[in-house]
């Protein structure tokens, strides 16, 4: 690969401080190393990597480093390219929340030390002093002489980079602060509902690359750390792609990892055959290869917003009724009974290819959930259907507000068995305009029929895919026809043939000041909620008077900003606020007069 071709790629060096390497590579102190996979790593004069490209010169990540007054080199920013072409960014210490404490009323406050504060934090966070000390450095815990204390909660931030640079960056997520010049633990990314697909694997590709740079002469065992810890099977699988787990006991590493008290006991060493990615800009394709075999393929122009996983030896799909297989003829992407052939590049270094591939698609597809017609989305819209929350002081968006409401309702129903039984016994369930928080509203029972009215097509599609996969794993795809997604139109409020045994209803923000529409929504509830049945409603405060006027019994109500899921969210992102009018009701239709 021509070095100048790598440097001149329009997506390669976007940080202004890295431009010198494009202009004066040798005199700027640049160095390039080719890896066994054919990838190239470019290093700056400071000895740190600045760019990773695939064998054809397509960039995968770029780093910007700076030298501190102490002489230490630290990461300032990083850009990571996702499988579907989108760029995201990392800003070390990009999210800082400040907590102020008044200790002056405590007896003996003059003698309180930084570790005393850390010990208090450890108790409230259900952690230990050593872990709190690890994440809260001396500069993060400040004691003032007047009995006041300031604690800085510092995290690394992830951003969406719409044009590939930080100029129009939008906050996406965060994770515990890392020392990027010395990788010494494995993190879990928070706010998982906000993660673009492929974020985790791209981040760990970056982490593994830096780890290898820093451990040329040996290996350093890593552990998972965090406050609080979020061990999960998904995190274990992601870690396991790039690092190999081991434990000192006879238990399985997964079993130990999932125990929140013992997650740190799993030691992770670098895996010998970890995934590597190849971009094909001509075919709009990214392939992930491990041990010379295709593991995953992502076609950037796919309106489903899904990748294709390697077909199982049985020929059955792993997920989404899709699969990827290679033959001597090319790379085959299967979506149900449809197929697409793409060219295999020699640079992918695939092992011996078969003459044919066994593909046994299932008869069902997630598209069957749309009886009127399946959505046809812009691919970028499909891949980017996530919820993004503000880092700064601004109102949280309407769709982003929904999970707080429906997570609360899910927890509330669990705690009130009479309501939980009523929900479980319901046969016909309507979910109206709550598709961004749909996951907390669904139950998977053969007897239940779910009708979903939607106006956010990308989230409806995403949840239809999720439901199909869930039922497929349960071996219950025969239930899938019980989930029907219908695009919402206003006239549907007045001309239904069915009454419902349970209704989840989200009234759009745009209707809050429209008295006619508020009246229409309440009359709809009164008419189509079966006698004795329950509805869960999110809307403006004025709704309460209308509910009572229509004879609906209010079982419970709560303001949006009082909901526990929102309070938990504020511990991570304290500046965003909900629509002040957002209120939640649980109501019951006592029956006709």
Protein backbone atom coordinates (compact mmCIF):
# COMPACT_ATOMS: atom_id res chain seq x y z
CA UNK A 1 0.00 0.00 0.00
CA UNK A 2 1.30 3.42 -0.94
CA UNK A 3 2.01 5.48 2.20
CA UNK A 4 1.00 8.76 0.60
CA UNK A 5 -2.25 7.14 -0.51
CA UNK A 6 -2.97 6.29 3.14
CA UNK A 7 -2.18 9.82 4.29
CA UNK A 8 -4.24 11.44 1.53
CA UNK A 9 -7.42 9.44 2.19
CA UNK A 10 -10.11 12.08 2.89
CA UNK A 11 -11.19 10.35 6.11
CA UNK A 12 -7.72 9.50 7.41
CA UNK A 13 -6.22 12.50 9.20
CA UNK A 14 -8.97 14.89 10.28
CA UNK A 15 -7.39 16.31 13.43
CA UNK A 16 -5.61 19.57 12.51
CA UNK A 17 -2.59 18.70 14.66
CA UNK A 18 -2.11 15.48 12.67
CA UNK A 19 -1.96 17.26 9.31
CA UNK A 20 1.78 17.70 9.64
CA UNK A 21 2.20 13.97 9.06
CA UNK A 22 0.41 14.24 5.74
CA UNK A 23 2.64 17.10 4.68
CA UNK A 24 6.01 16.07 6.10
CA UNK A 25 5.88 12.40 7.10
CA UNK A 26 9.55 11.66 7.66
CA UNK A 27 10.66 15.02 9.03
CA UNK A 28 7.62 15.02 11.36
CA UNK A 29 8.86 11.77 12.89
CA UNK A 30 6.23 9.43 11.46
CA UNK A 31 6.62 5.66 11.54
CA UNK A 32 4.52 2.90 9.94
CA UNK A 33 4.23 -0.80 10.80
CA UNK A 34 2.43 -3.47 8.79
CA UNK A 35 0.58 -6.11 10.82
CA UNK A 36 0.26 -9.80 9.85
CA UNK A 37 -3.34 -9.16 8.78
CA UNK A 38 -2.15 -6.56 6.28
CA UNK A 39 -3.37 -3.62 8.37
CA UNK A 40 -1.06 -0.65 8.87
CA UNK A 41 -0.52 1.29 12.09
CA UNK A 42 0.91 4.79 11.79
CA UNK A 43 2.76 6.31 14.75
CA UNK A 44 3.66 9.91 15.50
CA UNK A 45 6.90 11.37 16.79
CA UNK A 46 5.64 10.84 20.36
CA UNK A 47 5.61 7.08 19.75
CA UNK A 48 1.82 6.74 19.99
CA UNK A 49 -0.43 5.46 17.21
CA UNK A 50 -2.22 8.11 15.23
CA UNK A 51 -3.96 5.98 12.61
CA UNK A 52 -5.09 2.43 11.88
CA UNK A 53 -5.97 1.52 8.29
CA UNK A 54 -6.90 -1.73 6.58
CA UNK A 55 -4.71 -3.22 3.80
CA UNK A 56 -6.43 -1.06 1.18
CA UNK A 57 -5.78 2.13 3.12
CA UNK A 58 -9.29 2.61 4.53
CA UNK A 59 -9.06 4.29 7.97
CA UNK A 60 -10.53 2.55 11.02
CA UNK A 61 -9.50 4.95 13.79
CA UNK A 62 -7.47 8.10 14.32
CA UNK A 63 -5.94 9.40 17.57
CA UNK A 64 -4.81 12.81 18.76
CA UNK A 65 -2.24 12.99 21.55
CA UNK A 66 -0.71 15.85 23.49
CA UNK A 67 2.23 16.25 25.81
CA UNK A 68 1.41 17.50 29.30
CA UNK A 69 3.67 19.91 31.22
CA UNK A 70 4.94 16.89 33.16
CA UNK A 71 6.16 15.36 29.91
CA UNK A 72 3.54 12.60 29.93
CA UNK A 73 1.66 11.86 26.71
CA UNK A 74 -2.13 11.73 26.96
CA UNK A 75 -4.93 11.02 24.51
CA UNK A 76 -6.92 14.14 23.66
CA UNK A 77 -9.45 12.72 21.20
CA UNK A 78 -10.10 9.68 19.06
CA UNK A 79 -12.25 9.00 16.02
CA UNK A 80 -13.61 5.48 15.43
CA UNK A 81 -15.24 4.26 12.24
CA UNK A 82 -18.22 1.95 12.66
CA UNK A 83 -19.05 -1.01 10.44
CA UNK A 84 -21.67 0.98 8.51
CA UNK A 85 -19.36 3.91 7.77
CA UNK A 86 -20.48 6.30 10.53
CA UNK A 87 -17.76 7.95 12.62
CA UNK A 88 -17.98 8.34 16.39
CA UNK A 89 -15.59 10.09 18.74
CA UNK A 90 -14.09 9.61 22.19
CA UNK A 91 -13.19 12.54 24.42
CA UNK A 92 -11.21 11.45 27.48
CA UNK A 93 -12.65 13.15 30.56
CA UNK A 94 -15.34 14.61 28.31
CA UNK A 95 -18.09 14.25 30.92
CA UNK A 96 -17.54 15.85 34.32
CA UNK A 97 -20.30 16.06 36.93
CA UNK A 98 -19.64 18.13 40.04
CA UNK A 99 -21.12 17.41 43.46
CA UNK A 100 -20.83 19.92 46.30
CA UNK A 101 -21.10 18.76 49.92
CA UNK A 102 -21.51 20.80 53.09
CA UNK A 103 -19.52 19.01 55.80
CA UNK A 104 -19.49 21.92 58.23
CA UNK A 105 -22.41 20.51 60.22
CA UNK A 106 -20.55 17.28 60.93
CA UNK A 107 -18.78 17.11 64.23
CA UNK A 108 -15.04 17.13 63.66
CA UNK A 109 -15.33 18.10 60.01
CA UNK A 110 -11.92 19.76 60.22
CA UNK A 111 -10.30 16.32 60.38
CA UNK A 112 -12.12 14.76 57.41
CA UNK A 113 -9.68 13.49 54.78
CA UNK A 114 -10.04 12.67 51.10
CA UNK A 115 -10.18 8.97 51.93
CA UNK A 116 -12.94 9.66 54.46
CA UNK A 117 -14.96 11.15 51.61
CA UNK A 118 -14.10 8.20 49.40
CA UNK A 119 -15.25 5.83 52.13
CA UNK A 120 -18.60 7.63 52.31
CA UNK A 121 -18.88 7.33 48.54
CA UNK A 122 -17.99 3.64 48.68
CA UNK A 123 -20.85 2.96 51.08
CA UNK A 124 -23.39 4.86 49.00
CA UNK A 125 -22.18 3.27 45.75
CA UNK A 126 -21.97 -0.25 47.22
CA UNK A 127 -18.29 -0.38 46.32
CA UNK A 128 -15.03 -0.54 48.25
CA UNK A 129 -12.44 2.07 49.10
CA UNK A 130 -9.82 0.72 46.71
CA UNK A 131 -12.21 0.92 43.75
CA UNK A 132 -13.38 4.43 44.66
CA UNK A 133 -9.77 5.52 45.07
CA UNK A 134 -9.01 4.09 41.60
CA UNK A 135 -11.72 6.14 39.88
CA UNK A 136 -11.67 9.25 42.10
CA UNK A 137 -8.17 10.68 42.07
CA UNK A 138 -6.88 13.28 44.51
CA UNK A 139 -7.68 16.10 42.09
CA UNK A 140 -11.29 14.83 41.90
CA UNK A 141 -11.87 15.06 45.66
CA UNK A 142 -11.33 18.62 46.90
CA UNK A 143 -11.66 19.68 50.55
CA UNK A 144 -12.09 23.40 51.16
CA UNK A 145 -11.11 25.08 54.40
CA UNK A 146 -14.66 26.21 55.21
CA UNK A 147 -16.15 22.74 55.52
CA UNK A 148 -17.23 22.55 51.90
CA UNK A 149 -16.15 19.70 49.63
CA UNK A 150 -16.29 19.27 45.87
CA UNK A 151 -16.30 15.89 44.15
CA UNK A 152 -15.76 15.59 40.42
CA UNK A 153 -17.21 12.53 38.72
CA UNK A 154 -15.09 12.21 35.59
CA UNK A 155 -15.95 9.94 32.68
CA UNK A 156 -14.85 9.50 29.09
CA UNK A 157 -17.49 10.59 26.60
CA UNK A 158 -18.61 9.15 23.26
CA UNK A 159 -19.91 11.44 20.53
CA UNK A 160 -21.64 11.06 17.20
CA UNK A 161 -19.56 12.78 14.50
CA UNK A 162 -22.05 13.65 11.72
CA UNK A 163 -19.39 14.78 9.24
CA UNK A 164 -16.56 12.64 10.58
CA UNK A 165 -15.06 15.35 12.79
CA UNK A 166 -15.82 16.94 16.16
CA UNK A 167 -17.10 20.17 14.60
CA UNK A 168 -20.77 19.16 14.96
CA UNK A 169 -20.31 16.43 17.55
CA UNK A 170 -23.34 15.28 19.53
CA UNK A 171 -23.07 13.49 22.86
CA UNK A 172 -23.92 9.78 22.66
CA UNK A 173 -22.72 7.88 25.73
CA UNK A 174 -19.98 7.55 28.32
CA UNK A 175 -17.86 5.10 30.27
CA UNK A 176 -15.51 5.11 33.23
CA UNK A 177 -12.38 7.19 32.77
CA UNK A 178 -9.46 5.30 31.28
CA UNK A 179 -5.76 6.00 31.22
CA UNK A 180 -5.43 5.58 27.47
CA UNK A 181 -1.64 5.76 27.48
CA UNK A 182 -1.63 2.78 29.86
CA UNK A 183 -4.58 0.41 29.41
CA UNK A 184 -4.99 -1.19 32.84
CA UNK A 185 -8.62 -2.38 33.01
CA UNK A 186 -11.62 -3.19 30.81
CA UNK A 187 -14.66 -0.87 30.87
CA UNK A 188 -18.35 -1.18 30.04
CA UNK A 189 -20.04 1.60 28.10
CA UNK A 190 -23.04 3.16 29.85
CA UNK A 191 -26.35 4.40 28.38
CA UNK A 192 -26.53 1.32 26.16
CA UNK A 193 -29.79 2.47 24.55
CA UNK A 194 -27.80 5.33 23.02
CA UNK A 195 -25.10 3.22 21.39
CA UNK A 196 -24.90 3.09 17.62
CA UNK A 197 -24.56 -0.49 16.35
CA UNK A 198 -20.91 -1.52 16.26
CA UNK A 199 -19.77 0.96 18.93
CA UNK A 200 -18.64 -1.73 21.36
CA UNK A 201 -16.55 -3.71 18.87
CA UNK A 202 -14.98 -0.55 17.39
CA UNK A 203 -14.09 0.68 20.90
CA UNK A 204 -12.51 -2.66 21.80
CA UNK A 205 -10.65 -2.78 18.50
CA UNK A 206 -9.16 0.54 19.62
CA UNK A 207 -8.49 -0.65 23.18
CA UNK A 208 -6.84 -3.85 21.96
CA UNK A 209 -4.68 -1.88 19.54
CA UNK A 210 -3.42 0.45 22.26
CA UNK A 211 -2.93 -2.50 24.63
CA UNK A 212 -0.73 -4.26 22.06
CA UNK A 213 1.29 -1.09 21.50
CA UNK A 214 1.89 -0.80 25.24
CA UNK A 215 2.75 -4.46 25.90
CA UNK A 216 5.22 -5.40 23.19
CA UNK A 217 7.56 -7.17 25.62
CA UNK A 218 4.97 -8.99 27.71
CA UNK A 219 1.31 -9.23 28.66
CA UNK A 220 -0.58 -7.47 31.42
CA UNK A 221 -3.65 -9.26 32.86
CA UNK A 222 -6.69 -6.99 32.85
CA UNK A 223 -9.81 -6.96 34.99
CA UNK A 224 -13.23 -5.46 34.52
CA UNK A 225 -13.80 -2.46 36.78
CA UNK A 226 -16.55 0.10 37.21
CA UNK A 227 -18.70 2.02 39.69
CA UNK A 228 -21.21 0.53 39.79
CA UNK A 229 -20.37 -2.70 37.99
CA UNK A 230 -22.61 -3.79 35.11
CA UNK A 231 -21.59 -7.38 34.33
CA UNK A 232 -23.64 -8.96 31.57
CA UNK A 233 -23.40 -11.78 29.07
CA UNK A 234 -23.16 -9.21 26.28
CA UNK A 235 -20.15 -7.55 27.95
CA UNK A 236 -18.54 -10.95 28.50
CA UNK A 237 -18.97 -11.85 24.82
CA UNK A 238 -17.51 -8.52 23.71
CA UNK A 239 -14.51 -8.80 26.05
CA UNK A 240 -14.03 -12.40 24.88
CA UNK A 241 -13.62 -11.38 21.25
CA UNK A 242 -10.39 -9.54 22.05
CA UNK A 243 -9.23 -11.04 25.36
CA UNK A 244 -9.29 -14.54 26.85
CA UNK A 245 -10.86 -14.96 30.32
CA UNK A 246 -9.52 -17.13 33.13
CA UNK A 247 -10.32 -17.66 36.81
CA UNK A 248 -8.46 -19.36 39.63
CA UNK A 249 -11.48 -21.39 40.77
CA UNK A 250 -13.15 -24.37 39.11
CA UNK A 251 -16.17 -22.26 38.13
CA UNK A 252 -16.65 -21.05 34.60
CA UNK A 253 -15.34 -17.53 33.88
CA UNK A 254 -18.83 -16.46 32.78
CA UNK A 255 -20.38 -17.57 36.06
CA UNK A 256 -17.80 -15.63 38.06
CA UNK A 257 -18.07 -12.59 35.79
CA UNK A 258 -21.85 -12.33 36.19
CA UNK A 259 -21.51 -12.19 39.98
CA UNK A 260 -21.30 -8.46 40.73
CA UNK A 261 -19.19 -9.20 43.81
CA UNK A 262 -16.66 -11.25 41.83
CA UNK A 263 -16.52 -9.80 38.32
CA UNK A 264 -13.05 -8.44 39.04
CA UNK A 265 -11.75 -11.97 39.72
CA UNK A 266 -11.82 -12.80 36.02
CA UNK A 267 -8.43 -12.10 34.44
CA UNK A 268 -8.30 -11.19 30.77
CA UNK A 269 -5.25 -11.83 28.58
CA UNK A 270 -4.92 -10.92 24.89
CA UNK A 271 -6.65 -13.39 22.58
CA UNK A 272 -4.47 -14.74 19.78
CA UNK A 273 -7.16 -14.65 17.11
CA UNK A 274 -9.18 -11.49 17.60
CA UNK A 275 -11.51 -9.93 14.99
CA UNK A 276 -10.15 -7.54 12.39
CA UNK A 277 -12.18 -5.38 10.03
CA UNK A 278 -11.86 -4.59 6.35
CA UNK A 279 -13.69 -1.73 4.67
CA UNK A 280 -14.69 -1.91 1.01
CA UNK A 281 -15.75 1.56 -0.07
CA UNK A 282 -16.49 0.42 -3.62
CA UNK A 283 -19.03 -2.18 -2.47
CA UNK A 284 -20.16 -0.13 0.57
CA UNK A 285 -19.21 -3.04 2.78
CA UNK A 286 -17.42 -3.87 6.01
CA UNK A 287 -16.39 -7.45 6.79
CA UNK A 288 -15.18 -8.68 10.16
CA UNK A 289 -12.74 -11.59 9.92
CA UNK A 290 -11.50 -13.85 12.68
CA UNK A 291 -9.10 -16.73 12.16
CA UNK A 292 -9.40 -16.19 8.40
CA UNK A 293 -13.18 -16.69 8.45
CA UNK A 294 -15.93 -14.14 7.89
CA UNK A 295 -17.68 -13.45 11.19
CA UNK A 296 -19.91 -10.59 10.13
CA UNK A 297 -20.66 -8.46 7.10
CA UNK A 298 -22.34 -5.06 7.09
CA UNK A 299 -23.67 -3.59 3.86
CA UNK A 300 -23.94 0.16 4.27
CA UNK A 301 -26.91 0.48 1.90
CA UNK A 302 -29.10 -1.97 3.82
CA UNK A 303 -32.42 -0.30 4.83
CA UNK A 304 -32.90 -2.86 7.61
CA UNK A 305 -29.98 -1.43 9.62
CA UNK A 306 -28.75 -4.95 10.41
CA UNK A 307 -25.53 -6.87 9.82
CA UNK A 308 -25.18 -10.39 8.42
CA UNK A 309 -23.61 -12.91 10.81
CA UNK A 310 -21.70 -15.99 9.68
CA UNK A 311 -24.03 -18.87 8.89
CA UNK A 312 -23.99 -21.68 11.42
CA UNK A 313 -22.68 -25.07 10.28
CA UNK A 314 -26.26 -26.33 10.31
CA UNK A 315 -27.16 -23.74 7.67
CA UNK A 316 -29.60 -22.02 10.01
CA UNK A 317 -29.51 -18.26 10.64
CA UNK A 318 -27.91 -17.01 13.85
CA UNK A 319 -30.17 -13.96 14.07
CA UNK A 320 -32.61 -11.84 12.03
CA UNK A 321 -33.14 -14.70 9.53
CA UNK A 322 -30.00 -13.44 7.81
CA UNK A 323 -26.57 -14.87 7.21
CA UNK A 324 -23.24 -14.44 5.45
CA UNK A 325 -21.34 -17.21 3.70
CA UNK A 326 -18.39 -17.45 1.33
CA UNK A 327 -17.85 -19.66 -1.69
CA UNK A 328 -15.42 -19.71 -4.57
CA UNK A 329 -17.91 -17.46 -6.38
CA UNK A 330 -17.99 -14.70 -3.79
CA UNK A 331 -19.43 -13.43 -0.53
CA UNK A 332 -23.13 -14.24 -0.21
CA UNK A 333 -25.46 -12.18 1.96
CA UNK A 334 -28.76 -13.92 2.69
CA UNK A 335 -31.90 -12.18 3.97
CA UNK A 336 -34.62 -14.79 4.24
CA UNK A 337 -34.96 -16.19 0.73
CA UNK A 338 -33.29 -13.20 -0.87
CA UNK A 339 -29.58 -13.23 -1.60
CA UNK A 340 -26.90 -10.82 -2.73
CA UNK A 341 -23.44 -11.69 -4.08
CA UNK A 342 -20.42 -9.47 -3.47
CA UNK A 343 -16.78 -9.76 -4.46
CA UNK A 344 -14.23 -11.26 -2.07
CA UNK A 345 -11.05 -9.19 -1.82
CA UNK A 346 -7.66 -10.95 -1.56
CA UNK A 347 -6.70 -8.53 1.22
CA UNK A 348 -9.24 -10.20 3.52
CA UNK A 349 -6.95 -13.26 3.69
CA UNK A 350 -9.80 -15.76 3.92
CA UNK A 351 -9.03 -19.46 4.29
CA UNK A 352 -9.97 -22.11 1.72
CA UNK A 353 -13.38 -21.39 0.22
CA UNK A 354 -16.16 -23.94 -0.30
CA UNK A 355 -17.92 -24.53 -3.60
CA UNK A 356 -21.31 -23.90 -2.00
CA UNK A 357 -22.89 -22.71 1.22
CA UNK A 358 -25.79 -24.33 3.05
CA UNK A 359 -28.53 -21.80 3.82
CA UNK A 360 -31.80 -22.85 5.45
CA UNK A 361 -33.86 -19.72 6.06
CA UNK A 362 -36.87 -19.76 8.32
CA UNK A 363 -40.29 -19.11 6.84
CA UNK A 364 -40.93 -16.15 9.12
CA UNK A 365 -39.33 -12.71 8.93
CA UNK A 366 -39.54 -9.56 11.05
CA UNK A 367 -41.23 -7.87 8.09
CA UNK A 368 -44.32 -10.01 8.73
CA UNK A 369 -45.11 -7.75 11.70
CA UNK A 370 -46.15 -5.01 9.25
CA UNK A 371 -49.41 -6.22 7.63
CA UNK A 372 -49.85 -3.07 5.55
CA UNK A 373 -46.27 -3.14 4.18
CA UNK A 374 -42.81 -3.31 5.75
CA UNK A 375 -40.93 -0.03 6.17
CA UNK A 376 -38.39 1.12 3.63
CA UNK A 377 -35.95 3.35 5.46
CA UNK A 378 -32.93 5.37 4.55
CA UNK A 379 -30.01 3.10 5.61
CA UNK A 380 -28.41 5.77 7.80
CA UNK A 381 -31.75 6.33 9.54
CA UNK A 382 -32.13 2.59 10.10
CA UNK A 383 -28.62 2.08 11.52
CA UNK A 384 -28.81 5.18 13.73
CA UNK A 385 -32.17 4.48 15.41
CA UNK A 386 -30.97 5.07 18.97
CA UNK A 387 -31.94 7.50 21.73
CA UNK A 388 -29.55 10.41 22.25
CA UNK A 389 -29.65 12.38 25.50
CA UNK A 390 -28.32 15.90 26.06
CA UNK A 391 -25.10 16.44 27.95
CA UNK A 392 -25.91 20.13 28.41
CA UNK A 393 -28.88 21.86 30.03
CA UNK A 394 -31.76 21.33 27.62
CA UNK A 395 -35.05 19.49 27.45
CA UNK A 396 -34.83 15.79 26.69
CA UNK A 397 -36.48 14.87 23.40
CA UNK A 398 -39.91 13.27 23.20
CA UNK A 399 -38.83 9.82 22.06
CA UNK A 400 -35.93 9.86 24.55
CA UNK A 401 -38.44 10.53 27.34
CA UNK A 402 -40.43 7.37 26.70
CA UNK A 403 -38.15 4.78 28.36
CA UNK A 404 -38.35 6.65 31.69
CA UNK A 405 -42.14 6.36 31.65
CA UNK A 406 -42.45 2.77 30.50
CA UNK A 407 -39.56 1.47 32.63
CA UNK A 408 -41.32 3.05 35.61
CA UNK A 409 -44.62 1.41 34.67
CA UNK A 410 -42.93 -1.96 34.26
CA UNK A 411 -41.42 -1.70 37.76
CA UNK A 412 -44.68 -0.41 39.24
CA UNK A 413 -46.67 -3.32 37.83
CA UNK A 414 -44.12 -5.78 39.21
CA UNK A 415 -44.67 -4.31 42.67
CA UNK A 416 -48.49 -4.40 42.46
CA UNK A 417 -49.58 -7.96 41.85
CA UNK A 418 -53.21 -7.15 41.09
CA UNK A 419 -52.15 -4.92 38.21
CA UNK A 420 -49.47 -7.36 37.13
CA UNK A 421 -52.03 -10.16 36.90
CA UNK A 422 -54.41 -7.93 34.96
CA UNK A 423 -51.64 -7.18 32.48
CA UNK A 424 -50.71 -10.86 32.17
CA UNK A 425 -54.35 -11.91 31.72
CA UNK A 426 -55.05 -9.35 28.99
CA UNK A 427 -55.79 -10.87 25.59
CA UNK A 428 -55.86 -7.76 23.38
CA UNK A 429 -53.17 -5.18 24.16
CA UNK A 430 -52.81 -1.83 22.41
CA UNK A 431 -49.53 0.07 22.47
CA UNK A 432 -50.12 3.52 21.02
CA UNK A 433 -47.21 5.75 19.94
CA UNK A 434 -44.81 4.35 22.55
CA UNK A 435 -42.46 2.62 20.12
CA UNK A 436 -39.30 4.26 21.51
CA UNK A 437 -39.98 2.63 24.90
CA UNK A 438 -41.67 -0.50 23.63
CA UNK A 439 -39.28 -3.01 25.17
CA UNK A 440 -40.66 -2.44 28.68
CA UNK A 441 -44.28 -2.85 27.55
CA UNK A 442 -44.16 -6.27 25.93
CA UNK A 443 -44.98 -9.67 27.32
CA UNK A 444 -44.36 -12.88 25.43
CA UNK A 445 -47.36 -15.15 25.87
CA UNK A 446 -49.15 -17.27 23.31
CA UNK A 447 -52.57 -15.93 24.25
CA UNK A 448 -51.79 -12.21 23.91
CA UNK A 449 -52.31 -10.15 20.77
CA UNK A 450 -50.29 -6.92 20.63
CA UNK A 451 -51.29 -4.09 18.32
CA UNK A 452 -48.64 -1.37 18.00
CA UNK A 453 -49.58 2.02 16.58
CA UNK A 454 -46.45 3.87 15.54
CA UNK A 455 -45.29 7.11 13.95
CA UNK A 456 -41.53 6.65 14.36
CA UNK A 457 -40.88 4.12 11.65
CA UNK A 458 -37.23 3.43 12.44
CA UNK A 459 -38.04 2.47 16.05
CA UNK A 460 -41.01 0.36 14.99
CA UNK A 461 -38.72 -1.54 12.63
CA UNK A 462 -36.05 -1.94 15.29
CA UNK A 463 -38.52 -3.38 17.81
CA UNK A 464 -40.11 -5.69 15.26
CA UNK A 465 -36.63 -7.10 14.63
CA UNK A 466 -36.03 -7.43 18.36
CA UNK A 467 -39.35 -9.24 18.92
CA UNK A 468 -38.64 -11.65 16.06
CA UNK A 469 -35.20 -12.48 17.48
CA UNK A 470 -36.58 -12.92 20.99
CA UNK A 471 -39.24 -15.36 19.82
CA UNK A 472 -36.73 -17.16 17.60
CA UNK A 473 -34.45 -17.76 20.59
CA UNK A 474 -37.47 -19.00 22.56
CA UNK A 475 -38.43 -21.29 19.65
CA UNK A 476 -41.81 -19.55 19.64
CA UNK A 477 -41.94 -17.91 16.22
CA UNK A 478 -45.47 -19.28 15.89
CA UNK A 479 -46.48 -16.43 18.22
CA UNK A 480 -45.02 -13.73 15.97
CA UNK A 481 -48.32 -13.06 14.11
CA UNK A 482 -49.65 -11.84 17.48
CA UNK A 483 -47.50 -8.69 17.10
CA UNK A 484 -48.85 -6.28 14.51
CA UNK A 485 -47.37 -2.85 13.75
CA UNK A 486 -49.77 -0.31 12.21
CA UNK A 487 -48.79 3.24 11.14
CA UNK A 488 -50.92 5.64 13.16
CA UNK A 489 -53.53 7.94 11.62
CA UNK A 490 -55.89 10.18 13.58
CA UNK A 491 -59.08 8.65 12.23
CA UNK A 492 -58.14 5.38 13.95
CA UNK A 493 -59.26 6.90 17.27
CA UNK A 494 -62.88 6.77 16.17
CA UNK A 495 -63.37 3.69 14.04
CA UNK A 496 -62.14 0.55 15.77
CA UNK A 497 -63.79 -2.84 15.79
CA UNK A 498 -61.86 -4.07 18.82
CA UNK A 499 -61.88 -3.11 22.48
CA UNK A 500 -58.67 -3.68 24.40
CA UNK A 501 -57.99 -5.38 27.73
CA UNK A 502 -54.91 -3.23 28.32
CA UNK A 503 -53.76 0.02 26.72
CA UNK A 504 -50.41 1.81 26.81
CA UNK A 505 -50.97 5.33 25.51
CA UNK A 506 -48.42 8.06 24.82
CA UNK A 507 -50.04 11.38 23.96
CA UNK A 508 -47.71 13.36 21.65
CA UNK A 509 -46.19 16.56 23.02
CA UNK A 510 -47.71 18.38 20.05
CA UNK A 511 -51.19 17.60 21.42
CA UNK A 512 -50.57 18.93 24.94
CA UNK A 513 -51.97 22.38 24.19
CA UNK A 514 -54.70 21.11 21.87
CA UNK A 515 -57.87 20.80 23.96
CA UNK A 516 -59.75 19.10 21.14
CA UNK A 517 -57.14 16.37 20.79
CA UNK A 518 -56.88 15.87 24.55
CA UNK A 519 -60.63 15.35 24.67
CA UNK A 520 -60.38 12.98 21.71
CA UNK A 521 -57.69 10.85 23.38
CA UNK A 522 -59.68 10.55 26.63
CA UNK A 523 -62.89 9.62 24.81
CA UNK A 524 -60.91 7.01 22.90
CA UNK A 525 -59.73 5.51 26.19
CA UNK A 526 -63.23 5.48 27.64
CA UNK A 527 -64.67 3.88 24.51
CA UNK A 528 -62.06 1.27 23.61
CA UNK A 529 -60.72 0.22 27.02
CA UNK A 530 -62.76 -2.82 28.02
CA UNK A 531 -64.92 -2.66 31.13
CA UNK A 532 -62.79 -3.25 34.22
CA UNK A 533 -59.55 -3.00 32.22
CA UNK A 534 -56.51 -0.83 32.86
CA UNK A 535 -54.73 1.81 30.80
CA UNK A 536 -51.33 3.43 31.31
CA UNK A 537 -51.25 6.97 29.96
CA UNK A 538 -48.57 9.65 29.56
CA UNK A 539 -49.78 13.17 28.86
CA UNK A 540 -50.16 16.73 30.21
CA UNK A 541 -51.64 17.61 33.66
CA UNK A 542 -54.87 18.87 32.08
CA UNK A 543 -55.60 15.26 31.19
CA UNK A 544 -56.55 14.41 34.76
CA UNK A 545 -59.71 16.50 34.75
CA UNK A 546 -60.77 14.97 31.44
CA UNK A 547 -60.13 11.44 32.70
CA UNK A 548 -62.34 12.01 35.73
CA UNK A 549 -65.03 13.69 33.65
CA UNK A 550 -65.21 10.62 31.42
CA UNK A 551 -65.63 8.38 34.47
CA UNK A 552 -62.20 6.73 34.35
CA UNK A 553 -60.86 5.83 37.78
CA UNK A 554 -57.32 7.05 38.50
CA UNK A 555 -55.36 4.34 40.31
CA UNK A 556 -52.02 6.14 40.38
CA UNK A 557 -50.35 9.25 39.00
CA UNK A 558 -46.81 10.65 39.00
CA UNK A 559 -44.98 13.56 37.42
CA UNK A 560 -42.30 12.72 34.89
CA UNK A 561 -39.42 14.26 36.81
CA UNK A 562 -40.27 12.18 39.90
CA UNK A 563 -39.91 8.82 38.15
CA UNK A 564 -37.06 6.66 39.56
CA UNK A 565 -35.65 5.72 36.11
CA UNK A 566 -35.26 9.41 35.34
CA UNK A 567 -33.59 10.02 38.71
CA UNK A 568 -31.09 7.26 37.92
CA UNK A 569 -30.44 8.83 34.53
CA UNK A 570 -29.71 12.15 36.23
CA UNK A 571 -26.90 10.52 38.20
CA UNK A 572 -25.11 10.14 34.85
CA UNK A 573 -26.42 13.17 32.94
CA UNK A 574 -27.77 15.65 35.50
CA UNK A 575 -28.34 18.62 33.18
CA UNK A 576 -31.09 17.36 30.89
CA UNK A 577 -34.70 17.88 31.97
CA UNK A 578 -38.01 16.36 30.98
CA UNK A 579 -40.99 18.20 29.56
CA UNK A 580 -42.35 19.79 32.78
CA UNK A 581 -45.91 18.84 31.78
CA UNK A 582 -45.17 15.14 31.32
CA UNK A 583 -47.34 13.16 33.75
CA UNK A 584 -48.14 9.46 34.05
CA UNK A 585 -51.47 7.91 35.03
CA UNK A 586 -52.68 4.39 35.59
CA UNK A 587 -56.44 4.37 35.05
CA UNK A 588 -59.23 1.82 35.07
CA UNK A 589 -62.44 1.80 33.11
CA UNK A 590 -65.06 0.86 35.73
CA UNK A 591 -67.58 -0.03 33.04
CA UNK A 592 -70.50 1.58 31.30
CA UNK A 593 -73.07 3.46 33.34
